[in-house]
Structure formats: C-alpha cells, structure tokens
Amino acid sequence: MLRINIKTSKQSYDLFSHMAFMLVLIAALFVSIGAKAQSTPELNSEILSSYIADKQIAAFSFGAPNQTNLFQPANWQDEQQPLNNQALSDFVETNYISTKDKVQNATNERECLAQAIYHEARGETEAGQWAVTNVILNRVASKRYPNSICGVIFQNANGKKYSCQFSFACDGQSDDGGIGNKIVRQAWVKSNLIAFAAFKKFQSGEKLNALPSSVLYYHTTAVAPNWSKVFNRVAKIGNHIFYSQS
C-alpha cells in the first residue's frame, strides 16, 4: 500500500513538472512575440518627420540643393526603400533620436560648455571667454576631435589625473561652479549665459567669429608648452594665447 502511494505521488509530480515546464515555454514565447511587436515603431508624426528630414539631408549630400534633389513624400512609391514598417524599424535603429532625447542631449551639451567656460576662462573678459568657447566649438567641427561638445571637453578625462585636454575635467574636483561666494556665482551665471548663446549659434550652423575656425589650441600666458613652438600664433586675448596648426 505504501509503495502504491509513492508511485502515484511520483506520477503526479512528474505530470505537474511537465505542465509547469510547458507553461514556462509558452510564457517565454509570448514575451518574445511581445518584444518583437514592441520593436516595430508606430507611424507617428515625430518619426515620420525625422524620416523625411533624414531623406532631405541625404538628398543634399548627393547634389545641389534644388527642388529636384529633395525627397518628395509624394514619390514614396518610387523609392528603392518604400515607407513601410521595415523601413521605419531600420530608421529607428540607426538614425532616429526622439525629441525627448534631443532635448536632453542639448541640455548636456550646454552644461558641458558652461563648465568649460567657467573653469577655463571665468577670470577673463567677455571677449576672452568667447575666444575659449570658439576653440571648443572649432574642435567639435574638426575631424581630429570628438564630434560633440561634451566629447571634446571631457576627452581622455577617464585617464590618469591631468592627462585630459582640459585640466579641470580630470583634476578630481567638482566640475560645477554654482556654489561659493558672490563673485563665483556671478561667474557661473555668466558662463551659462555665454554657453546658451554660443550653443544656439552652433545649432544653427552660425560661426562665432571670435577666432578663425583653424584655431584649435590655447594656453595661458603663465606657461610655455613645447607644442606652442611648432604652431602658428594667431591671437592673444586676455591671459590666453591662441594657435592654429602650421
């Protein structure tokens, strides 16, 4: 009698385990299907506008910017890659940035620029601060450096101390400047105002014109680095000397 009960219990346990395993497999399948469905973007106005803008940029890249080169929504059926779910999925995976992320990226870029202006040139005149800002944006535009403001300012900042491009970025101190005495707070506000104005020009493709676009280097008058001997001296503004490559 005891043996029969044990055998029956084991059969019930095996059946229950098998059913539980099947339920897990089914649940995993539904999760996989749901994830795949979520990966296909919905055709909303934001994605569609970004898709059109991307096509417009491509058209300008391959010819003169005239009407015949522009991407025409009415000609979608003639495109090699028609507008469908797959085209939108490919676009979202490669080029699409949501408005929320664009706003956050812009905020981060402005903050990085304000930090650099504050730490590198807060004791300079406004002309000197604009000159330092100009060098930073020149580097962003140059193929020699990262293509973002934060990338340029904090290049090599994760290395050893004082091995980065801008010393404040890797000196181990806080990069913010909004605390301290009244003079420091005023300098922090001014740095942010210049960063906001400069970033607005940068976004619109407008040149700052404080310095030529070839100027990528500067140092204070308190030092004389070896590289300054091989570069072209362009200007001295306040306590900074600015250079372009030979």
C-alpha atoms as a PDB file:
ATOM      1  CA  MET A   1       0.000   0.000   0.000  1.00  0.00           C
ATOM      2  CA  LEU A   2       2.791   2.338   0.826  1.00  0.00           C
ATOM      3  CA  ARG A   3       4.567   1.552  -2.457  1.00  0.00           C
ATOM      4  CA  ILE A   4       1.421   2.335  -4.492  1.00  0.00           C
ATOM      5  CA  ASN A   5       1.058   5.747  -2.849  1.00  0.00           C
ATOM      6  CA  ILE A   6       4.670   6.622  -3.554  1.00  0.00           C
ATOM      7  CA  LYS A   7       4.336   5.639  -7.205  1.00  0.00           C
ATOM      8  CA  THR A   8       1.112   7.622  -7.600  1.00  0.00           C
ATOM      9  CA  SER A   9       2.671  10.675  -5.975  1.00  0.00           C
ATOM     10  CA  LYS A  10       5.696  10.445  -8.259  1.00  0.00           C
ATOM     11  CA  GLN A  11       3.483  10.255 -11.354  1.00  0.00           C
ATOM     12  CA  SER A  12       1.522  13.292 -10.186  1.00  0.00           C
ATOM     13  CA  TYR A  13       4.752  15.168  -9.538  1.00  0.00           C
ATOM     14  CA  ASP A  14       6.142  14.310 -12.976  1.00  0.00           C
ATOM     15  CA  LEU A  15       2.908  15.440 -14.629  1.00  0.00           C
ATOM     16  CA  PHE A  16       2.915  18.686 -12.690  1.00  0.00           C
ATOM     17  CA  SER A  17       6.575  19.353 -13.586  1.00  0.00           C
ATOM     18  CA  HIS A  18       5.876  18.711 -17.248  1.00  0.00           C
ATOM     19  CA  MET A  19       2.898  21.073 -17.241  1.00  0.00           C
ATOM     20  CA  ALA A  20       4.890  23.759 -15.409  1.00  0.00           C
ATOM     21  CA  PHE A  21       7.712  23.448 -17.957  1.00  0.00           C
ATOM     22  CA  MET A  22       5.238  23.825 -20.837  1.00  0.00           C
ATOM     23  CA  LEU A  23       3.696  26.902 -19.212  1.00  0.00           C
ATOM     24  CA  VAL A  24       7.146  28.474 -18.858  1.00  0.00           C
ATOM     25  CA  LEU A  25       7.854  27.807 -22.548  1.00  0.00           C
ATOM     26  CA  ILE A  26       4.512  29.323 -23.585  1.00  0.00           C
ATOM     27  CA  ALA A  27       5.102  32.388 -21.407  1.00  0.00           C
ATOM     28  CA  ALA A  28       8.574  32.845 -22.885  1.00  0.00           C
ATOM     29  CA  LEU A  29       7.096  32.603 -26.379  1.00  0.00           C
ATOM     30  CA  PHE A  30       4.519  35.299 -25.635  1.00  0.00           C
ATOM     31  CA  VAL A  31       7.215  37.551 -24.139  1.00  0.00           C
ATOM     32  CA  SER A  32       9.334  37.071 -27.265  1.00  0.00           C
ATOM     33  CA  ILE A  33       6.383  37.878 -29.535  1.00  0.00           C
ATOM     34  CA  GLY A  34       5.501  40.920 -27.445  1.00  0.00           C
ATOM     35  CA  ALA A  35       9.083  42.207 -27.519  1.00  0.00           C
ATOM     36  CA  LYS A  36       9.196  41.787 -31.280  1.00  0.00           C
ATOM     37  CA  ALA A  37       5.922  43.659 -31.650  1.00  0.00           C
ATOM     38  CA  GLN A  38       7.172  46.476 -29.442  1.00  0.00           C
ATOM     39  CA  SER A  39      10.338  46.784 -31.535  1.00  0.00           C
ATOM     40  CA  THR A  40       8.282  47.779 -34.574  1.00  0.00           C
ATOM     41  CA  PRO A  41       7.699  51.544 -34.265  1.00  0.00           C
ATOM     42  CA  GLU A  42       4.297  53.042 -34.794  1.00  0.00           C
ATOM     43  CA  LEU A  43       3.905  55.505 -37.648  1.00  0.00           C
ATOM     44  CA  ASN A  44       3.605  58.713 -35.660  1.00  0.00           C
ATOM     45  CA  SER A  45       4.244  62.296 -36.727  1.00  0.00           C
ATOM     46  CA  GLU A  46       7.587  62.586 -34.917  1.00  0.00           C
ATOM     47  CA  ILE A  47       9.153  59.508 -36.524  1.00  0.00           C
ATOM     48  CA  LEU A  48       7.723  60.443 -39.910  1.00  0.00           C
ATOM     49  CA  SER A  49       9.109  63.991 -39.694  1.00  0.00           C
ATOM     50  CA  SER A  50      12.535  62.674 -38.693  1.00  0.00           C
ATOM     51  CA  TYR A  51      12.412  60.164 -41.551  1.00  0.00           C
ATOM     52  CA  ILE A  52      11.661  62.928 -44.063  1.00  0.00           C
ATOM     53  CA  ALA A  53      14.409  65.164 -42.638  1.00  0.00           C
ATOM     54  CA  ASP A  54      16.882  62.304 -42.912  1.00  0.00           C
ATOM     55  CA  LYS A  55      15.947  61.832 -46.572  1.00  0.00           C
ATOM     56  CA  GLN A  56      16.323  65.564 -47.188  1.00  0.00           C
ATOM     57  CA  ILE A  57      19.820  65.557 -45.720  1.00  0.00           C
ATOM     58  CA  ALA A  58      20.753  62.586 -47.904  1.00  0.00           C
ATOM     59  CA  ALA A  59      19.442  64.423 -50.967  1.00  0.00           C
ATOM     60  CA  PHE A  60      21.560  67.480 -50.178  1.00  0.00           C
ATOM     61  CA  SER A  61      24.607  65.252 -49.760  1.00  0.00           C
ATOM     62  CA  PHE A  62      24.431  63.886 -53.298  1.00  0.00           C
ATOM     63  CA  GLY A  63      23.818  67.008 -55.344  1.00  0.00           C
ATOM     64  CA  ALA A  64      22.990  70.659 -55.474  1.00  0.00           C
ATOM     65  CA  PRO A  65      20.244  71.693 -53.033  1.00  0.00           C
ATOM     66  CA  ASN A  66      17.467  72.219 -55.553  1.00  0.00           C
ATOM     67  CA  GLN A  67      13.923  71.020 -55.675  1.00  0.00           C
ATOM     68  CA  THR A  68      14.675  68.013 -57.892  1.00  0.00           C
ATOM     69  CA  ASN A  69      17.107  66.630 -55.323  1.00  0.00           C
ATOM     70  CA  LEU A  70      14.779  66.942 -52.362  1.00  0.00           C
ATOM     71  CA  PHE A  71      12.983  63.912 -51.011  1.00  0.00           C
ATOM     72  CA  GLN A  72       9.353  64.134 -52.134  1.00  0.00           C
ATOM     73  CA  PRO A  73       6.767  62.390 -49.912  1.00  0.00           C
ATOM     74  CA  ALA A  74       4.507  62.031 -52.972  1.00  0.00           C
ATOM     75  CA  ASN A  75       7.156  59.832 -54.586  1.00  0.00           C
ATOM     76  CA  TRP A  76       7.440  57.275 -51.779  1.00  0.00           C
ATOM     77  CA  GLN A  77       6.253  54.537 -54.114  1.00  0.00           C
ATOM     78  CA  ASP A  78       9.247  55.275 -56.359  1.00  0.00           C
ATOM     79  CA  GLU A  79      11.802  54.972 -53.566  1.00  0.00           C
ATOM     80  CA  GLN A  80      14.084  51.950 -53.558  1.00  0.00           C
ATOM     81  CA  GLN A  81      13.191  51.523 -49.896  1.00  0.00           C
ATOM     82  CA  PRO A  82       9.472  52.384 -49.630  1.00  0.00           C
ATOM     83  CA  LEU A  83       7.962  53.707 -46.446  1.00  0.00           C
ATOM     84  CA  ASN A  84       6.781  50.652 -44.539  1.00  0.00           C
ATOM     85  CA  ASN A  85       7.247  49.092 -41.119  1.00  0.00           C
ATOM     86  CA  GLN A  86      10.624  47.621 -42.045  1.00  0.00           C
ATOM     87  CA  ALA A  87      11.918  50.975 -43.350  1.00  0.00           C
ATOM     88  CA  LEU A  88      10.780  52.700 -40.169  1.00  0.00           C
ATOM     89  CA  SER A  89      12.312  49.957 -37.997  1.00  0.00           C
ATOM     90  CA  ASP A  90      15.652  50.319 -39.783  1.00  0.00           C
ATOM     91  CA  PHE A  91      15.486  54.099 -39.432  1.00  0.00           C
ATOM     92  CA  VAL A  92      14.679  53.967 -35.703  1.00  0.00           C
ATOM     93  CA  GLU A  93      17.535  51.533 -35.066  1.00  0.00           C
ATOM     94  CA  THR A  94      20.146  53.597 -36.921  1.00  0.00           C
ATOM     95  CA  ASN A  95      19.283  57.310 -37.142  1.00  0.00           C
ATOM     96  CA  TYR A  96      16.216  58.188 -35.111  1.00  0.00           C
ATOM     97  CA  ILE A  97      16.555  60.214 -31.896  1.00  0.00           C
ATOM     98  CA  SER A  98      13.381  61.085 -30.029  1.00  0.00           C
ATOM     99  CA  THR A  99      12.555  64.693 -29.186  1.00  0.00           C
ATOM    100  CA  LYS A 100      12.965  63.902 -25.501  1.00  0.00           C
ATOM    101  CA  ASP A 101      16.486  62.569 -26.070  1.00  0.00           C
ATOM    102  CA  LYS A 102      17.357  65.517 -28.333  1.00  0.00           C
ATOM    103  CA  VAL A 103      16.311  67.963 -25.615  1.00  0.00           C
ATOM    104  CA  GLN A 104      18.349  66.063 -23.010  1.00  0.00           C
ATOM    105  CA  ASN A 105      21.391  65.902 -25.296  1.00  0.00           C
ATOM    106  CA  ALA A 106      21.170  69.649 -25.928  1.00  0.00           C
ATOM    107  CA  THR A 107      20.944  70.319 -22.199  1.00  0.00           C
ATOM    108  CA  ASN A 108      24.000  68.150 -21.537  1.00  0.00           C
ATOM    109  CA  GLU A 109      25.982  69.863 -24.301  1.00  0.00           C
ATOM    110  CA  ARG A 110      25.184  73.327 -22.920  1.00  0.00           C
ATOM    111  CA  GLU A 111      26.130  72.260 -19.407  1.00  0.00           C
ATOM    112  CA  CYS A 112      29.479  70.876 -20.581  1.00  0.00           C
ATOM    113  CA  LEU A 113      30.183  74.105 -22.458  1.00  0.00           C
ATOM    114  CA  ALA A 114      29.262  76.243 -19.429  1.00  0.00           C
ATOM    115  CA  GLN A 115      31.563  74.185 -17.215  1.00  0.00           C
ATOM    116  CA  ALA A 116      34.471  74.650 -19.618  1.00  0.00           C
ATOM    117  CA  ILE A 117      33.916  78.404 -19.947  1.00  0.00           C
ATOM    118  CA  TYR A 118      33.714  78.759 -16.182  1.00  0.00           C
ATOM    119  CA  HIS A 119      36.808  76.730 -15.304  1.00  0.00           C
ATOM    120  CA  GLU A 120      38.958  77.791 -18.254  1.00  0.00           C
ATOM    121  CA  ALA A 121      38.101  81.472 -18.548  1.00  0.00           C
ATOM    122  CA  ARG A 122      35.956  82.823 -15.730  1.00  0.00           C
ATOM    123  CA  GLY A 123      38.648  85.409 -14.897  1.00  0.00           C
ATOM    124  CA  GLU A 124      38.801  86.639 -18.493  1.00  0.00           C
ATOM    125  CA  THR A 125      36.912  89.437 -20.188  1.00  0.00           C
ATOM    126  CA  GLU A 126      33.833  88.505 -22.178  1.00  0.00           C
ATOM    127  CA  ALA A 127      35.962  88.560 -25.354  1.00  0.00           C
ATOM    128  CA  GLY A 128      38.347  86.081 -23.746  1.00  0.00           C
ATOM    129  CA  GLN A 129      35.510  83.791 -22.721  1.00  0.00           C
ATOM    130  CA  TRP A 130      34.080  83.842 -26.235  1.00  0.00           C
ATOM    131  CA  ALA A 131      37.516  83.021 -27.643  1.00  0.00           C
ATOM    132  CA  VAL A 132      37.834  79.926 -25.437  1.00  0.00           C
ATOM    133  CA  THR A 133      34.294  78.932 -26.412  1.00  0.00           C
ATOM    134  CA  ASN A 134      35.248  79.347 -30.070  1.00  0.00           C
ATOM    135  CA  VAL A 135      38.189  76.949 -29.717  1.00  0.00           C
ATOM    136  CA  ILE A 136      35.968  74.303 -28.155  1.00  0.00           C
ATOM    137  CA  LEU A 137      33.406  74.534 -30.958  1.00  0.00           C
ATOM    138  CA  ASN A 138      36.204  74.559 -33.553  1.00  0.00           C
ATOM    139  CA  ARG A 139      37.348  71.239 -32.134  1.00  0.00           C
ATOM    140  CA  VAL A 140      33.846  69.811 -32.354  1.00  0.00           C
ATOM    141  CA  ALA A 141      33.800  70.712 -36.049  1.00  0.00           C
ATOM    142  CA  SER A 142      37.290  69.273 -36.625  1.00  0.00           C
ATOM    143  CA  LYS A 143      37.769  65.626 -37.628  1.00  0.00           C
ATOM    144  CA  ARG A 144      40.712  65.474 -35.222  1.00  0.00           C
ATOM    145  CA  TYR A 145      38.442  65.562 -32.182  1.00  0.00           C
ATOM    146  CA  PRO A 146      35.155  64.039 -30.949  1.00  0.00           C
ATOM    147  CA  ASN A 147      32.028  65.360 -32.690  1.00  0.00           C
ATOM    148  CA  SER A 148      30.206  66.501 -29.559  1.00  0.00           C
ATOM    149  CA  ILE A 149      30.859  69.324 -27.107  1.00  0.00           C
ATOM    150  CA  CYS A 150      30.966  67.036 -24.075  1.00  0.00           C
ATOM    151  CA  GLY A 151      33.164  64.614 -26.016  1.00  0.00           C
ATOM    152  CA  VAL A 152      35.687  67.351 -26.799  1.00  0.00           C
ATOM    153  CA  ILE A 153      35.740  68.821 -23.308  1.00  0.00           C
ATOM    154  CA  PHE A 154      35.998  65.510 -21.470  1.00  0.00           C
ATOM    155  CA  GLN A 155      38.282  63.740 -23.949  1.00  0.00           C
ATOM    156  CA  ASN A 156      40.619  61.397 -22.022  1.00  0.00           C
ATOM    157  CA  ALA A 157      39.042  62.539 -18.744  1.00  0.00           C
ATOM    158  CA  ASN A 158      38.803  58.934 -17.563  1.00  0.00           C
ATOM    159  CA  GLY A 159      42.564  58.515 -17.708  1.00  0.00           C
ATOM    160  CA  LYS A 160      45.081  59.465 -15.096  1.00  0.00           C
ATOM    161  CA  LYS A 161      44.995  62.833 -13.391  1.00  0.00           C
ATOM    162  CA  TYR A 162      45.807  65.847 -15.593  1.00  0.00           C
ATOM    163  CA  SER A 163      46.069  63.697 -18.741  1.00  0.00           C
ATOM    164  CA  CYS A 164      42.945  65.162 -20.369  1.00  0.00           C
ATOM    165  CA  GLN A 165      42.608  68.030 -22.843  1.00  0.00           C
ATOM    166  CA  PHE A 166      41.155  70.476 -20.299  1.00  0.00           C
ATOM    167  CA  SER A 167      42.731  70.167 -16.870  1.00  0.00           C
ATOM    168  CA  PHE A 168      39.549  70.864 -14.898  1.00  0.00           C
ATOM    169  CA  ALA A 169      37.968  67.740 -16.436  1.00  0.00           C
ATOM    170  CA  CYS A 170      40.388  65.389 -14.692  1.00  0.00           C
ATOM    171  CA  ASP A 171      41.659  67.266 -11.640  1.00  0.00           C
ATOM    172  CA  GLY A 172      39.496  65.284  -9.242  1.00  0.00           C
ATOM    173  CA  GLN A 173      37.439  68.348  -8.263  1.00  0.00           C
ATOM    174  CA  SER A 174      33.774  69.118  -8.886  1.00  0.00           C
ATOM    175  CA  ASP A 175      33.067  70.467 -12.366  1.00  0.00           C
ATOM    176  CA  ASP A 176      30.113  72.583 -11.231  1.00  0.00           C
ATOM    177  CA  GLY A 177      30.593  76.196 -10.234  1.00  0.00           C
ATOM    178  CA  GLY A 178      27.291  77.398  -8.853  1.00  0.00           C
ATOM    179  CA  ILE A 179      28.347  77.487  -5.212  1.00  0.00           C
ATOM    180  CA  GLY A 180      30.770  79.686  -3.320  1.00  0.00           C
ATOM    181  CA  ASN A 181      30.991  83.419  -2.822  1.00  0.00           C
ATOM    182  CA  LYS A 182      29.050  86.047  -4.743  1.00  0.00           C
ATOM    183  CA  ILE A 183      31.772  86.573  -7.372  1.00  0.00           C
ATOM    184  CA  VAL A 184      31.926  82.836  -8.164  1.00  0.00           C
ATOM    185  CA  ARG A 185      28.146  82.647  -8.509  1.00  0.00           C
ATOM    186  CA  GLN A 186      28.161  85.624 -10.868  1.00  0.00           C
ATOM    187  CA  ALA A 187      30.871  83.987 -12.978  1.00  0.00           C
ATOM    188  CA  TRP A 188      28.873  80.749 -13.101  1.00  0.00           C
ATOM    189  CA  VAL A 189      25.761  82.583 -14.312  1.00  0.00           C
ATOM    190  CA  LYS A 190      27.774  84.474 -16.944  1.00  0.00           C
ATOM    191  CA  SER A 191      29.367  81.253 -18.171  1.00  0.00           C
ATOM    192  CA  ASN A 192      25.941  79.697 -18.614  1.00  0.00           C
ATOM    193  CA  LEU A 193      24.634  82.753 -20.494  1.00  0.00           C
ATOM    194  CA  ILE A 194      27.567  82.635 -22.922  1.00  0.00           C
ATOM    195  CA  ALA A 195      27.174  78.855 -23.291  1.00  0.00           C
ATOM    196  CA  PHE A 196      23.475  79.236 -24.068  1.00  0.00           C
ATOM    197  CA  ALA A 197      24.095  81.909 -26.716  1.00  0.00           C
ATOM    198  CA  ALA A 198      27.043  80.060 -28.254  1.00  0.00           C
ATOM    199  CA  PHE A 199      25.205  76.745 -28.388  1.00  0.00           C
ATOM    200  CA  LYS A 200      22.260  78.395 -30.117  1.00  0.00           C
ATOM    201  CA  LYS A 201      24.617  79.715 -32.804  1.00  0.00           C
ATOM    202  CA  PHE A 202      26.310  76.334 -33.042  1.00  0.00           C
ATOM    203  CA  GLN A 203      22.988  74.527 -33.549  1.00  0.00           C
ATOM    204  CA  SER A 204      22.030  76.885 -36.363  1.00  0.00           C
ATOM    205  CA  GLY A 205      25.405  76.500 -38.073  1.00  0.00           C
ATOM    206  CA  GLU A 206      26.401  80.097 -37.380  1.00  0.00           C
ATOM    207  CA  LYS A 207      30.085  80.888 -36.797  1.00  0.00           C
ATOM    208  CA  LEU A 208      31.115  82.602 -33.576  1.00  0.00           C
ATOM    209  CA  ASN A 209      33.847  84.601 -35.369  1.00  0.00           C
ATOM    210  CA  ALA A 210      35.762  85.309 -32.188  1.00  0.00           C
ATOM    211  CA  LEU A 211      38.621  83.367 -33.810  1.00  0.00           C
ATOM    212  CA  PRO A 212      39.214  81.640 -37.176  1.00  0.00           C
ATOM    213  CA  SER A 213      37.916  78.088 -37.478  1.00  0.00           C
ATOM    214  CA  SER A 214      41.501  76.800 -37.742  1.00  0.00           C
ATOM    215  CA  VAL A 215      42.314  77.791 -34.152  1.00  0.00           C
ATOM    216  CA  LEU A 216      42.281  74.618 -32.056  1.00  0.00           C
ATOM    217  CA  TYR A 217      44.749  75.345 -29.244  1.00  0.00           C
ATOM    218  CA  TYR A 218      45.447  77.848 -26.494  1.00  0.00           C
ATOM    219  CA  HIS A 219      47.376  78.198 -23.272  1.00  0.00           C
ATOM    220  CA  THR A 220      47.667  80.795 -20.548  1.00  0.00           C
ATOM    221  CA  THR A 221      50.489  83.326 -20.517  1.00  0.00           C
ATOM    222  CA  ALA A 222      51.768  81.667 -17.334  1.00  0.00           C
ATOM    223  CA  VAL A 223      53.090  78.632 -19.252  1.00  0.00           C
ATOM    224  CA  ALA A 224      55.014  77.934 -22.458  1.00  0.00           C
ATOM    225  CA  PRO A 225      54.277  74.366 -23.644  1.00  0.00           C
ATOM    226  CA  ASN A 226      56.577  72.771 -26.230  1.00  0.00           C
ATOM    227  CA  TRP A 227      53.803  72.452 -28.794  1.00  0.00           C
ATOM    228  CA  SER A 228      53.453  76.239 -28.950  1.00  0.00           C
ATOM    229  CA  LYS A 229      56.793  76.405 -30.789  1.00  0.00           C
ATOM    230  CA  VAL A 230      55.508  74.440 -33.782  1.00  0.00           C
ATOM    231  CA  PHE A 231      52.042  76.004 -34.142  1.00  0.00           C
ATOM    232  CA  ASN A 232      51.039  79.344 -35.607  1.00  0.00           C
ATOM    233  CA  ARG A 233      50.287  82.017 -33.045  1.00  0.00           C
ATOM    234  CA  VAL A 234      47.027  83.678 -34.078  1.00  0.00           C
ATOM    235  CA  ALA A 235      45.999  85.956 -31.235  1.00  0.00           C
ATOM    236  CA  LYS A 236      46.478  86.936 -27.614  1.00  0.00           C
ATOM    237  CA  ILE A 237      43.254  87.725 -25.813  1.00  0.00           C
ATOM    238  CA  GLY A 238      43.479  88.456 -22.118  1.00  0.00           C
ATOM    239  CA  ASN A 239      45.644  85.834 -20.450  1.00  0.00           C
ATOM    240  CA  HIS A 240      45.339  83.275 -23.244  1.00  0.00           C
ATOM    241  CA  ILE A 241      47.370  82.818 -26.426  1.00  0.00           C
ATOM    242  CA  PHE A 242      45.645  81.054 -29.306  1.00  0.00           C
ATOM    243  CA  TYR A 243      47.174  78.894 -32.039  1.00  0.00           C
ATOM    244  CA  SER A 244      46.367  77.096 -35.258  1.00  0.00           C
ATOM    245  CA  GLN A 245      48.351  74.253 -36.752  1.00  0.00           C
ATOM    246  CA  SER A 246      51.224  75.060 -39.093  1.00  0.00           C
END
